[in-house]
N, C-alpha and C. Protein backbone atom coordinates (compact mmCIF):
# COMPACT_ATOMS: atom_id res chain seq x y z
N MET A 1 -19.53 -2.03 10.58
CA MET A 1 -18.42 -1.08 10.64
C MET A 1 -18.94 0.35 10.74
N ALA A 2 -18.28 1.16 11.50
CA ALA A 2 -18.71 2.54 11.67
C ALA A 2 -18.08 3.44 10.62
N LYS A 3 -18.70 4.57 10.39
CA LYS A 3 -18.16 5.56 9.47
C LYS A 3 -17.10 6.40 10.16
N ALA A 4 -16.02 6.67 9.41
CA ALA A 4 -14.99 7.56 9.93
C ALA A 4 -15.39 8.99 9.56
N VAL A 5 -16.18 9.61 10.38
CA VAL A 5 -16.80 10.89 10.06
C VAL A 5 -15.77 11.99 9.84
N LYS A 6 -14.71 12.00 10.65
CA LYS A 6 -13.74 13.10 10.57
C LYS A 6 -13.04 13.14 9.23
N THR A 7 -12.84 11.99 8.62
CA THR A 7 -12.13 11.95 7.35
C THR A 7 -13.07 11.92 6.16
N GLY A 8 -14.38 11.80 6.41
CA GLY A 8 -15.32 11.72 5.30
C GLY A 8 -15.26 10.39 4.59
N ILE A 9 -14.75 9.35 5.26
CA ILE A 9 -14.61 8.03 4.64
C ILE A 9 -15.61 7.07 5.26
N ASP A 10 -16.42 6.46 4.41
CA ASP A 10 -17.38 5.45 4.84
C ASP A 10 -16.65 4.11 4.86
N ALA A 11 -16.29 3.65 6.06
CA ALA A 11 -15.50 2.43 6.19
C ALA A 11 -16.24 1.21 5.64
N GLU A 12 -17.56 1.20 5.82
CA GLU A 12 -18.34 0.07 5.32
C GLU A 12 -18.32 0.03 3.80
N LEU A 13 -18.43 1.20 3.17
CA LEU A 13 -18.40 1.27 1.71
C LEU A 13 -17.01 0.91 1.20
N LEU A 14 -15.98 1.39 1.89
CA LEU A 14 -14.61 1.06 1.50
C LEU A 14 -14.36 -0.44 1.58
N ALA A 15 -14.93 -1.09 2.60
CA ALA A 15 -14.78 -2.54 2.74
C ALA A 15 -15.38 -3.27 1.55
N LYS A 16 -16.52 -2.76 1.03
CA LYS A 16 -17.14 -3.36 -0.15
C LYS A 16 -16.24 -3.20 -1.37
N VAL A 17 -15.60 -2.04 -1.49
CA VAL A 17 -14.69 -1.80 -2.61
C VAL A 17 -13.51 -2.76 -2.54
N VAL A 18 -12.95 -2.95 -1.33
CA VAL A 18 -11.82 -3.86 -1.15
C VAL A 18 -12.23 -5.29 -1.53
N ALA A 19 -13.40 -5.71 -1.07
CA ALA A 19 -13.87 -7.07 -1.36
C ALA A 19 -14.07 -7.25 -2.87
N ALA A 20 -14.65 -6.24 -3.52
CA ALA A 20 -14.88 -6.33 -4.96
C ALA A 20 -13.56 -6.35 -5.73
N THR A 21 -12.60 -5.54 -5.31
CA THR A 21 -11.29 -5.51 -5.97
C THR A 21 -10.60 -6.87 -5.85
N ASN A 22 -10.65 -7.46 -4.67
CA ASN A 22 -10.04 -8.77 -4.45
C ASN A 22 -10.70 -9.85 -5.29
N ALA A 23 -12.01 -9.66 -5.57
CA ALA A 23 -12.75 -10.64 -6.36
C ALA A 23 -12.72 -10.32 -7.85
N GLY A 24 -12.05 -9.22 -8.23
CA GLY A 24 -11.98 -8.84 -9.63
C GLY A 24 -13.28 -8.28 -10.17
N GLN A 25 -14.11 -7.71 -9.30
CA GLN A 25 -15.40 -7.16 -9.71
C GLN A 25 -15.38 -5.64 -9.72
N LEU A 26 -16.31 -5.05 -10.45
CA LEU A 26 -16.38 -3.60 -10.55
C LEU A 26 -17.29 -3.01 -9.48
N VAL A 27 -16.88 -1.85 -8.98
CA VAL A 27 -17.71 -1.08 -8.07
C VAL A 27 -17.74 0.35 -8.60
N TYR A 28 -18.92 0.96 -8.58
CA TYR A 28 -19.06 2.33 -9.07
C TYR A 28 -19.38 3.26 -7.90
N LEU A 29 -18.67 4.39 -7.83
CA LEU A 29 -18.93 5.37 -6.78
C LEU A 29 -19.11 6.75 -7.40
N SER A 30 -19.92 7.57 -6.74
CA SER A 30 -20.07 8.96 -7.15
C SER A 30 -18.89 9.75 -6.61
N GLN A 31 -18.73 10.98 -7.08
CA GLN A 31 -17.63 11.81 -6.60
C GLN A 31 -17.74 12.06 -5.11
N ALA A 32 -18.96 12.27 -4.62
CA ALA A 32 -19.15 12.52 -3.19
C ALA A 32 -18.77 11.31 -2.36
N GLU A 33 -19.10 10.11 -2.85
CA GLU A 33 -18.81 8.89 -2.11
C GLU A 33 -17.30 8.60 -2.06
N GLY A 34 -16.61 8.89 -3.15
CA GLY A 34 -15.20 8.53 -3.23
C GLY A 34 -14.22 9.63 -2.88
N GLN A 35 -14.72 10.86 -2.70
CA GLN A 35 -13.82 12.00 -2.51
C GLN A 35 -12.86 11.83 -1.33
N GLY A 36 -13.40 11.42 -0.18
CA GLY A 36 -12.56 11.26 1.00
C GLY A 36 -11.53 10.15 0.82
N MET A 37 -11.89 9.08 0.09
CA MET A 37 -10.98 7.97 -0.12
C MET A 37 -9.84 8.36 -1.06
N VAL A 38 -10.15 9.19 -2.05
CA VAL A 38 -9.12 9.65 -2.98
C VAL A 38 -8.20 10.67 -2.31
N ALA A 39 -8.78 11.53 -1.48
CA ALA A 39 -8.02 12.60 -0.83
C ALA A 39 -7.14 12.09 0.30
N HIS A 40 -7.46 10.88 0.80
CA HIS A 40 -6.67 10.33 1.90
C HIS A 40 -5.21 10.15 1.47
N ASN A 41 -4.28 10.31 2.40
CA ASN A 41 -2.86 10.13 2.11
C ASN A 41 -2.33 8.92 2.89
N PRO A 42 -2.01 7.79 2.19
CA PRO A 42 -2.07 7.62 0.75
C PRO A 42 -3.51 7.36 0.28
N PRO A 43 -3.80 7.54 -1.03
CA PRO A 43 -5.16 7.30 -1.54
C PRO A 43 -5.59 5.87 -1.28
N LEU A 44 -6.88 5.72 -0.95
CA LEU A 44 -7.41 4.39 -0.64
C LEU A 44 -8.05 3.73 -1.86
N ILE A 45 -8.40 4.54 -2.87
CA ILE A 45 -8.98 4.00 -4.10
C ILE A 45 -8.37 4.69 -5.31
N GLU A 46 -8.47 4.02 -6.46
CA GLU A 46 -8.11 4.60 -7.74
C GLU A 46 -9.39 4.67 -8.57
N VAL A 47 -9.61 5.78 -9.25
CA VAL A 47 -10.83 6.00 -10.02
C VAL A 47 -10.53 5.93 -11.51
N ASN A 48 -11.35 5.20 -12.24
CA ASN A 48 -11.24 5.12 -13.70
C ASN A 48 -12.45 5.82 -14.30
N THR A 49 -12.28 7.09 -14.65
CA THR A 49 -13.41 7.86 -15.18
C THR A 49 -13.78 7.43 -16.60
N GLY A 50 -12.97 6.55 -17.17
CA GLY A 50 -13.30 6.05 -18.51
C GLY A 50 -14.34 4.94 -18.46
N ILE A 51 -14.63 4.44 -17.26
CA ILE A 51 -15.65 3.39 -17.11
C ILE A 51 -16.74 3.90 -16.19
N LEU A 52 -17.93 4.18 -16.75
CA LEU A 52 -19.03 4.72 -15.96
C LEU A 52 -20.09 3.66 -15.71
N ASP A 53 -20.85 3.86 -14.67
CA ASP A 53 -21.96 2.97 -14.34
C ASP A 53 -22.99 3.04 -15.46
N PRO A 54 -23.30 1.92 -16.10
CA PRO A 54 -24.26 1.94 -17.21
C PRO A 54 -25.66 2.42 -16.79
N ASN A 55 -25.93 2.36 -15.48
CA ASN A 55 -27.24 2.80 -14.99
C ASN A 55 -27.22 4.20 -14.37
N ASP A 56 -26.00 4.74 -14.17
CA ASP A 56 -25.88 6.06 -13.55
C ASP A 56 -24.53 6.65 -13.96
N ASN A 57 -24.54 7.53 -14.97
CA ASN A 57 -23.28 8.04 -15.50
C ASN A 57 -22.60 9.06 -14.59
N THR A 58 -23.16 9.27 -13.39
CA THR A 58 -22.47 10.14 -12.42
C THR A 58 -21.52 9.33 -11.54
N LYS A 59 -21.52 8.02 -11.75
CA LYS A 59 -20.65 7.15 -10.96
C LYS A 59 -19.61 6.50 -11.87
N ALA A 60 -18.35 6.44 -11.38
CA ALA A 60 -17.26 5.86 -12.15
C ALA A 60 -16.72 4.62 -11.43
N ALA A 61 -16.07 3.76 -12.21
CA ALA A 61 -15.49 2.54 -11.64
C ALA A 61 -14.30 2.88 -10.75
N VAL A 62 -14.18 2.17 -9.63
CA VAL A 62 -13.06 2.37 -8.71
C VAL A 62 -12.50 1.02 -8.29
N ARG A 63 -11.28 1.04 -7.84
CA ARG A 63 -10.69 -0.17 -7.23
C ARG A 63 -9.85 0.25 -6.03
N ALA A 64 -9.71 -0.64 -5.08
CA ALA A 64 -8.98 -0.35 -3.84
C ALA A 64 -7.49 -0.38 -4.08
N THR A 65 -6.75 0.50 -3.38
CA THR A 65 -5.29 0.46 -3.42
C THR A 65 -4.80 -0.43 -2.29
N SER A 66 -3.49 -0.65 -2.25
CA SER A 66 -2.92 -1.50 -1.19
C SER A 66 -3.08 -0.88 0.19
N ALA A 67 -3.31 0.44 0.24
CA ALA A 67 -3.44 1.11 1.53
C ALA A 67 -4.84 0.96 2.13
N ALA A 68 -5.81 0.52 1.32
CA ALA A 68 -7.19 0.45 1.78
C ALA A 68 -7.37 -0.54 2.93
N GLN A 69 -6.78 -1.75 2.78
CA GLN A 69 -6.93 -2.75 3.84
C GLN A 69 -6.24 -2.31 5.11
N ASP A 70 -5.08 -1.64 4.96
CA ASP A 70 -4.38 -1.13 6.15
C ASP A 70 -5.27 -0.13 6.90
N TYR A 71 -5.97 0.72 6.13
CA TYR A 71 -6.85 1.71 6.76
C TYR A 71 -7.99 1.01 7.51
N LEU A 72 -8.60 0.00 6.87
CA LEU A 72 -9.70 -0.71 7.52
C LEU A 72 -9.22 -1.43 8.78
N ASN A 73 -8.01 -2.00 8.71
CA ASN A 73 -7.46 -2.68 9.89
C ASN A 73 -7.29 -1.69 11.04
N SER A 74 -6.84 -0.48 10.72
CA SER A 74 -6.62 0.52 11.76
C SER A 74 -7.94 0.99 12.38
N GLN A 75 -9.02 0.98 11.57
CA GLN A 75 -10.32 1.41 12.07
C GLN A 75 -10.97 0.36 12.95
N SER A 76 -10.70 -0.91 12.64
CA SER A 76 -11.35 -1.99 13.38
C SER A 76 -10.51 -2.51 14.55
N ALA A 77 -9.26 -2.04 14.65
CA ALA A 77 -8.39 -2.52 15.72
C ALA A 77 -8.95 -2.12 17.08
N PRO A 78 -8.98 -3.04 18.04
CA PRO A 78 -9.51 -2.71 19.37
C PRO A 78 -8.67 -1.66 20.07
N LYS A 79 -9.33 -0.76 20.77
CA LYS A 79 -8.64 0.29 21.51
C LYS A 79 -8.15 -0.26 22.84
N SER A 80 -6.91 -0.02 23.16
CA SER A 80 -6.32 -0.54 24.39
C SER A 80 -6.42 0.51 25.49
N ASN A 81 -6.80 0.07 26.69
CA ASN A 81 -6.88 0.98 27.83
C ASN A 81 -5.53 1.12 28.52
N GLY A 82 -4.63 0.17 28.25
CA GLY A 82 -3.32 0.21 28.89
C GLY A 82 -2.24 0.51 27.87
N ALA A 83 -1.00 0.30 28.26
CA ALA A 83 0.13 0.56 27.37
C ALA A 83 0.16 -0.49 26.27
N ALA A 84 0.59 -0.06 25.10
CA ALA A 84 0.67 -0.97 23.97
C ALA A 84 1.74 -2.03 24.22
N GLU A 85 1.50 -3.23 23.73
CA GLU A 85 2.47 -4.31 23.91
C GLU A 85 3.72 -3.99 23.10
N PRO A 86 4.90 -4.05 23.70
CA PRO A 86 6.13 -3.70 22.99
C PRO A 86 6.39 -4.65 21.82
N SER A 87 7.04 -4.13 20.80
CA SER A 87 7.37 -4.95 19.63
C SER A 87 8.37 -6.02 20.02
N LYS A 88 8.24 -7.20 19.40
CA LYS A 88 9.18 -8.29 19.69
C LYS A 88 10.45 -8.16 18.88
N TYR A 89 10.48 -7.18 17.96
CA TYR A 89 11.65 -7.03 17.10
C TYR A 89 12.66 -6.07 17.73
N ALA A 90 13.92 -6.52 17.84
CA ALA A 90 14.98 -5.69 18.40
C ALA A 90 15.56 -4.82 17.29
N LEU A 91 15.86 -3.54 17.62
CA LEU A 91 16.45 -2.63 16.65
C LEU A 91 17.95 -2.91 16.51
N ILE A 92 18.43 -2.87 15.27
CA ILE A 92 19.84 -3.08 14.97
C ILE A 92 20.42 -1.74 14.56
N THR A 93 21.47 -1.30 15.22
CA THR A 93 22.06 0.00 14.90
C THR A 93 23.33 -0.16 14.08
N ASN A 94 23.60 0.86 13.25
CA ASN A 94 24.83 0.90 12.45
C ASN A 94 25.03 -0.33 11.58
N ALA A 95 23.94 -0.86 11.04
CA ALA A 95 24.05 -2.03 10.18
C ALA A 95 24.55 -1.64 8.80
N GLU A 96 25.42 -2.48 8.23
CA GLU A 96 25.88 -2.27 6.87
C GLU A 96 24.98 -3.12 5.97
N LEU A 97 24.11 -2.45 5.21
CA LEU A 97 23.14 -3.18 4.40
C LEU A 97 23.82 -3.90 3.25
N PRO A 98 23.37 -5.12 2.93
CA PRO A 98 23.90 -5.81 1.75
C PRO A 98 23.54 -5.01 0.50
N ALA A 99 24.29 -5.21 -0.56
CA ALA A 99 24.00 -4.52 -1.82
C ALA A 99 22.63 -4.92 -2.31
N ALA A 100 21.91 -3.95 -2.90
CA ALA A 100 20.57 -4.24 -3.42
C ALA A 100 20.67 -5.21 -4.58
N ARG A 101 19.70 -6.11 -4.68
CA ARG A 101 19.68 -7.02 -5.82
C ARG A 101 18.39 -6.81 -6.58
N LYS A 102 18.43 -7.05 -7.87
CA LYS A 102 17.24 -6.85 -8.69
C LYS A 102 16.26 -7.98 -8.40
N ARG A 103 15.01 -7.62 -8.31
CA ARG A 103 13.97 -8.61 -8.09
C ARG A 103 12.69 -8.14 -8.72
N GLY A 104 11.77 -9.05 -8.94
CA GLY A 104 10.51 -8.72 -9.58
C GLY A 104 9.55 -8.06 -8.63
N ASN A 105 8.35 -7.83 -9.13
CA ASN A 105 7.31 -7.22 -8.31
C ASN A 105 6.96 -8.13 -7.15
N VAL A 106 6.90 -7.58 -5.93
CA VAL A 106 6.63 -8.39 -4.76
C VAL A 106 5.17 -8.35 -4.42
N ALA A 107 4.71 -9.38 -3.73
CA ALA A 107 3.30 -9.43 -3.33
C ALA A 107 3.21 -9.85 -1.89
N GLY A 108 2.04 -9.65 -1.30
CA GLY A 108 1.82 -10.04 0.08
C GLY A 108 2.02 -8.87 1.00
N ALA A 109 1.31 -8.85 2.09
CA ALA A 109 1.44 -7.73 3.02
C ALA A 109 1.36 -8.22 4.44
N GLY A 110 2.31 -7.79 5.26
CA GLY A 110 2.22 -8.08 6.68
C GLY A 110 1.44 -6.97 7.34
N ALA A 111 1.16 -7.10 8.61
CA ALA A 111 0.46 -6.04 9.33
C ALA A 111 1.48 -5.02 9.80
N PRO A 112 1.45 -3.79 9.26
CA PRO A 112 2.47 -2.80 9.59
C PRO A 112 2.60 -2.55 11.09
N THR A 113 1.51 -2.71 11.84
CA THR A 113 1.55 -2.38 13.26
C THR A 113 2.40 -3.35 14.06
N LYS A 114 2.70 -4.55 13.55
CA LYS A 114 3.47 -5.51 14.33
C LYS A 114 4.97 -5.29 14.17
N TYR A 115 5.36 -4.41 13.27
CA TYR A 115 6.78 -4.11 13.05
C TYR A 115 7.11 -2.73 13.60
N PRO A 116 8.35 -2.52 14.08
CA PRO A 116 8.69 -1.28 14.79
C PRO A 116 9.10 -0.10 13.89
N PHE A 117 8.41 0.10 12.77
CA PHE A 117 8.76 1.20 11.87
C PHE A 117 8.71 2.55 12.59
N ALA A 118 7.68 2.78 13.39
CA ALA A 118 7.49 4.08 14.03
C ALA A 118 8.59 4.39 15.05
N ASP A 119 9.27 3.34 15.57
CA ASP A 119 10.29 3.54 16.60
C ASP A 119 11.71 3.62 16.03
N MET A 120 11.84 3.52 14.72
CA MET A 120 13.18 3.40 14.13
C MET A 120 13.83 4.77 13.88
N PRO A 121 14.97 5.04 14.53
CA PRO A 121 15.72 6.26 14.18
C PRO A 121 16.47 6.03 12.86
N VAL A 122 17.04 7.08 12.31
CA VAL A 122 17.80 6.95 11.07
C VAL A 122 18.95 5.96 11.27
N GLY A 123 19.11 5.02 10.36
CA GLY A 123 20.20 4.04 10.43
C GLY A 123 19.82 2.77 11.16
N ALA A 124 18.60 2.70 11.74
CA ALA A 124 18.19 1.50 12.47
C ALA A 124 17.59 0.47 11.52
N SER A 125 17.67 -0.79 11.91
CA SER A 125 17.12 -1.90 11.13
C SER A 125 16.47 -2.89 12.08
N PHE A 126 15.70 -3.82 11.53
CA PHE A 126 15.26 -4.98 12.31
C PHE A 126 15.26 -6.19 11.38
N PHE A 127 15.31 -7.38 11.97
CA PHE A 127 15.41 -8.62 11.21
C PHE A 127 14.12 -9.42 11.32
N SER A 128 13.64 -9.91 10.20
CA SER A 128 12.46 -10.78 10.16
C SER A 128 12.85 -12.05 9.42
N ALA A 129 12.73 -13.20 10.09
CA ALA A 129 13.17 -14.47 9.51
C ALA A 129 12.18 -15.03 8.50
N ASP A 130 12.70 -15.77 7.53
CA ASP A 130 11.83 -16.42 6.54
C ASP A 130 10.80 -17.31 7.22
N SER A 131 11.20 -17.94 8.32
CA SER A 131 10.32 -18.89 9.00
C SER A 131 9.09 -18.23 9.61
N GLU A 132 9.08 -16.89 9.71
CA GLU A 132 7.92 -16.19 10.28
C GLU A 132 6.78 -16.04 9.27
N HIS A 133 7.05 -16.35 8.01
CA HIS A 133 6.09 -16.07 6.96
C HIS A 133 5.63 -17.35 6.26
N LYS A 134 4.37 -17.34 5.84
CA LYS A 134 3.75 -18.53 5.26
C LYS A 134 4.52 -19.06 4.05
N ASN A 135 4.93 -18.15 3.18
CA ASN A 135 5.60 -18.59 1.97
C ASN A 135 7.10 -18.84 2.17
N GLY A 136 7.59 -18.65 3.40
CA GLY A 136 9.00 -18.90 3.69
C GLY A 136 9.93 -17.89 3.06
N ASN A 137 9.39 -16.72 2.70
CA ASN A 137 10.22 -15.69 2.04
C ASN A 137 9.86 -14.33 2.63
N ALA A 138 10.66 -13.88 3.59
CA ALA A 138 10.39 -12.60 4.24
C ALA A 138 10.50 -11.43 3.27
N LEU A 139 11.42 -11.54 2.31
CA LEU A 139 11.62 -10.45 1.34
C LEU A 139 10.34 -10.18 0.56
N LYS A 140 9.68 -11.25 0.10
CA LYS A 140 8.43 -11.08 -0.65
C LYS A 140 7.29 -10.65 0.27
N ALA A 141 7.21 -11.29 1.43
CA ALA A 141 6.09 -11.03 2.34
C ALA A 141 6.08 -9.59 2.84
N LEU A 142 7.26 -9.00 3.04
CA LEU A 142 7.34 -7.66 3.61
C LEU A 142 7.46 -6.56 2.56
N GLY A 143 7.53 -6.94 1.30
CA GLY A 143 7.70 -5.93 0.25
C GLY A 143 6.62 -4.88 0.24
N SER A 144 5.36 -5.29 0.25
CA SER A 144 4.26 -4.32 0.20
C SER A 144 4.14 -3.55 1.52
N THR A 145 4.55 -4.19 2.63
CA THR A 145 4.52 -3.50 3.93
C THR A 145 5.50 -2.33 3.94
N VAL A 146 6.70 -2.56 3.42
CA VAL A 146 7.70 -1.50 3.37
C VAL A 146 7.23 -0.37 2.45
N SER A 147 6.64 -0.73 1.30
CA SER A 147 6.12 0.30 0.39
C SER A 147 5.03 1.11 1.06
N SER A 148 4.15 0.43 1.80
CA SER A 148 3.06 1.11 2.50
C SER A 148 3.59 2.07 3.55
N GLN A 149 4.64 1.66 4.27
CA GLN A 149 5.22 2.53 5.29
C GLN A 149 5.90 3.75 4.68
N ASN A 150 6.52 3.56 3.52
CA ASN A 150 7.13 4.71 2.83
C ASN A 150 6.07 5.71 2.42
N ARG A 151 4.92 5.21 1.93
CA ARG A 151 3.82 6.11 1.54
C ARG A 151 3.23 6.81 2.77
N LYS A 152 3.22 6.10 3.90
CA LYS A 152 2.65 6.65 5.12
C LYS A 152 3.38 7.92 5.55
N TYR A 153 4.70 7.95 5.34
CA TYR A 153 5.49 9.10 5.75
C TYR A 153 5.83 10.02 4.57
N ALA A 154 5.01 9.98 3.53
CA ALA A 154 5.24 10.82 2.35
C ALA A 154 4.11 11.83 2.19
N THR A 155 4.47 13.03 1.76
CA THR A 155 3.49 14.08 1.48
C THR A 155 3.81 14.69 0.12
N PRO A 156 2.81 15.25 -0.56
CA PRO A 156 3.06 15.88 -1.86
C PRO A 156 4.09 17.00 -1.73
N ASP A 157 5.02 17.04 -2.66
CA ASP A 157 6.05 18.07 -2.67
C ASP A 157 5.54 19.29 -3.45
N GLY A 158 4.74 20.11 -2.76
CA GLY A 158 4.15 21.29 -3.40
C GLY A 158 3.24 20.89 -4.56
N ASP A 159 3.37 21.59 -5.66
CA ASP A 159 2.55 21.30 -6.85
C ASP A 159 3.30 20.45 -7.86
N LYS A 160 4.42 19.88 -7.46
CA LYS A 160 5.23 19.10 -8.39
C LYS A 160 4.51 17.81 -8.79
N THR A 161 4.61 17.48 -10.06
CA THR A 161 4.02 16.24 -10.55
C THR A 161 5.04 15.53 -11.45
N LYS A 162 4.79 14.27 -11.70
CA LYS A 162 5.64 13.53 -12.63
C LYS A 162 4.76 12.61 -13.46
N THR A 163 5.25 12.26 -14.61
CA THR A 163 4.51 11.40 -15.54
C THR A 163 5.08 10.00 -15.50
N ILE A 164 4.20 9.02 -15.34
CA ILE A 164 4.65 7.63 -15.33
C ILE A 164 3.88 6.85 -16.40
N LYS A 165 4.44 5.73 -16.79
CA LYS A 165 3.78 4.85 -17.74
C LYS A 165 3.46 3.54 -17.03
N GLN A 166 2.24 3.07 -17.23
CA GLN A 166 1.84 1.83 -16.59
C GLN A 166 0.88 1.06 -17.49
N ALA A 167 0.73 -0.21 -17.18
CA ALA A 167 -0.18 -1.04 -17.98
C ALA A 167 -1.62 -0.61 -17.78
N LYS A 168 -2.35 -0.47 -18.87
CA LYS A 168 -3.77 -0.11 -18.80
C LYS A 168 -4.57 -1.33 -18.35
N ARG A 169 -5.54 -1.11 -17.47
CA ARG A 169 -6.35 -2.21 -16.96
C ARG A 169 -7.79 -2.09 -17.42
N GLY A 170 -8.41 -3.25 -17.65
CA GLY A 170 -9.78 -3.28 -18.12
C GLY A 170 -10.77 -3.40 -16.99
N GLU A 171 -12.02 -3.70 -17.33
CA GLU A 171 -13.10 -3.78 -16.33
C GLU A 171 -12.85 -4.89 -15.32
N ASP A 172 -12.14 -5.94 -15.73
CA ASP A 172 -11.85 -7.06 -14.82
C ASP A 172 -10.57 -6.83 -14.03
N ASN A 173 -10.01 -5.61 -14.14
CA ASN A 173 -8.80 -5.22 -13.43
C ASN A 173 -7.56 -5.96 -13.93
N LYS A 174 -7.68 -6.59 -15.11
CA LYS A 174 -6.53 -7.27 -15.70
C LYS A 174 -5.93 -6.37 -16.79
N PRO A 175 -4.62 -6.50 -17.06
CA PRO A 175 -3.99 -5.67 -18.09
C PRO A 175 -4.67 -5.84 -19.44
N VAL A 176 -4.86 -4.72 -20.14
CA VAL A 176 -5.44 -4.74 -21.48
C VAL A 176 -4.33 -5.09 -22.47
N LEU A 177 -4.60 -6.04 -23.38
CA LEU A 177 -3.61 -6.47 -24.35
C LEU A 177 -3.97 -5.97 -25.74
N ASP A 178 -2.94 -5.67 -26.55
CA ASP A 178 -3.20 -5.24 -27.92
C ASP A 178 -3.33 -6.46 -28.82
N GLU A 179 -3.42 -6.22 -30.14
CA GLU A 179 -3.65 -7.34 -31.07
C GLU A 179 -2.47 -8.31 -31.12
N ASN A 180 -1.30 -7.87 -30.63
CA ASN A 180 -0.12 -8.74 -30.61
C ASN A 180 0.07 -9.44 -29.27
N GLY A 181 -0.90 -9.23 -28.37
CA GLY A 181 -0.82 -9.87 -27.06
C GLY A 181 0.06 -9.16 -26.08
N LYS A 182 0.49 -7.93 -26.42
CA LYS A 182 1.32 -7.16 -25.51
C LYS A 182 0.47 -6.20 -24.68
N LYS A 183 0.96 -5.88 -23.50
CA LYS A 183 0.21 -4.97 -22.62
C LYS A 183 0.13 -3.57 -23.23
N VAL A 184 -1.06 -2.96 -23.12
CA VAL A 184 -1.25 -1.59 -23.57
C VAL A 184 -0.76 -0.66 -22.46
N ILE A 185 0.14 0.24 -22.79
CA ILE A 185 0.73 1.14 -21.81
C ILE A 185 0.07 2.51 -21.90
N GLU A 186 -0.31 3.07 -20.74
CA GLU A 186 -0.90 4.40 -20.70
C GLU A 186 -0.05 5.33 -19.85
N THR A 187 -0.17 6.63 -20.13
CA THR A 187 0.59 7.64 -19.40
C THR A 187 -0.30 8.27 -18.33
N LYS A 188 0.26 8.43 -17.14
CA LYS A 188 -0.50 8.96 -16.01
C LYS A 188 0.34 10.00 -15.27
N THR A 189 -0.30 11.09 -14.85
CA THR A 189 0.38 12.13 -14.07
C THR A 189 0.04 11.97 -12.60
N ILE A 190 1.07 11.90 -11.77
CA ILE A 190 0.88 11.72 -10.32
C ILE A 190 1.72 12.76 -9.57
N PRO A 191 1.35 13.08 -8.33
CA PRO A 191 2.13 14.07 -7.57
C PRO A 191 3.49 13.52 -7.16
N VAL A 192 4.50 14.39 -7.11
CA VAL A 192 5.82 14.03 -6.61
C VAL A 192 5.76 14.06 -5.08
N LEU A 193 6.24 13.00 -4.45
CA LEU A 193 6.16 12.90 -3.00
C LEU A 193 7.48 13.27 -2.33
N LYS A 194 7.36 13.84 -1.14
CA LYS A 194 8.50 14.18 -0.31
C LYS A 194 8.46 13.25 0.90
N TYR A 195 9.53 12.49 1.11
CA TYR A 195 9.54 11.47 2.15
C TYR A 195 10.18 11.98 3.45
N GLU A 196 9.41 11.86 4.53
CA GLU A 196 9.94 12.21 5.85
C GLU A 196 10.81 11.07 6.37
N ARG A 197 10.46 9.85 5.99
CA ARG A 197 11.25 8.68 6.32
C ARG A 197 11.30 7.79 5.08
N LYS A 198 12.37 7.04 4.93
CA LYS A 198 12.50 6.14 3.79
C LYS A 198 13.03 4.80 4.28
N PHE A 199 12.24 3.76 4.07
CA PHE A 199 12.63 2.43 4.51
C PHE A 199 13.04 1.59 3.29
N THR A 200 13.92 0.64 3.52
CA THR A 200 14.32 -0.28 2.45
C THR A 200 14.40 -1.68 3.03
N ILE A 201 14.42 -2.69 2.17
CA ILE A 201 14.44 -4.08 2.61
C ILE A 201 15.51 -4.82 1.83
N ARG A 202 16.27 -5.66 2.51
CA ARG A 202 17.36 -6.41 1.89
C ARG A 202 17.38 -7.85 2.41
N PRO A 203 17.78 -8.81 1.58
CA PRO A 203 18.02 -10.17 2.08
C PRO A 203 19.37 -10.20 2.79
N VAL A 204 19.50 -11.04 3.79
CA VAL A 204 20.77 -11.14 4.51
C VAL A 204 21.25 -12.59 4.50
N VAL A 205 22.52 -12.78 4.86
CA VAL A 205 23.14 -14.10 4.85
C VAL A 205 23.12 -14.65 6.27
N GLY A 206 22.64 -15.88 6.43
CA GLY A 206 22.57 -16.51 7.73
C GLY A 206 23.94 -16.64 8.38
N GLY A 207 24.02 -16.28 9.66
CA GLY A 207 25.27 -16.41 10.40
C GLY A 207 26.18 -15.20 10.32
N LYS A 208 25.90 -14.29 9.40
CA LYS A 208 26.73 -13.09 9.27
C LYS A 208 26.20 -11.98 10.19
N VAL A 209 27.10 -11.26 10.84
CA VAL A 209 26.71 -10.20 11.77
C VAL A 209 26.54 -8.88 11.01
N TYR A 210 25.39 -8.23 11.22
CA TYR A 210 25.13 -6.94 10.62
C TYR A 210 24.87 -5.94 11.76
N GLY A 211 25.77 -5.00 11.98
CA GLY A 211 25.57 -4.02 13.03
C GLY A 211 25.79 -4.61 14.41
N GLU A 212 25.29 -3.90 15.41
CA GLU A 212 25.48 -4.32 16.80
C GLU A 212 24.41 -5.32 17.22
């Protein structure tokens, strides 16, 4: 893999971080090595300065974010000399979205480039059938893709920040539990984002017409 010189991101090193994160292993990077990955929008890695390399305290533990694999895919995608193949998904205009329903954390990621997010005007939708996905559930399969696309069109809103609470993770990237077996919650400050585009995902009823 080649280095992305313009962004200061070593694609080969990032690939190692992604592989280690998927395997639940620790990777340590120096500030110089990880700076471009952290500064990327969205960030490609998360840094835990509370865990340092036992052999080099100038390096801290890092793990890949969901955007890291998307970045690597974009770097390794073959360059086309001709026009890009049109998306197979037809845009639906003036669709009345079903009411949102509560659901748990979704997992799985489709390839954002195969869906027509970039071509969608305000109010447009597209349909993806359950049968297109391995687990037979388009809602779960596309959840992380939609989140990734929302981050793609988001920028920091000035110097605004917000405080969130999340489960603390240990060296194995698993939630840290207290003596009662409950997750340890930590407070984290993150930038407030301003969205140029906002996508959402809903389940639909078979046979019902939504939009034109």
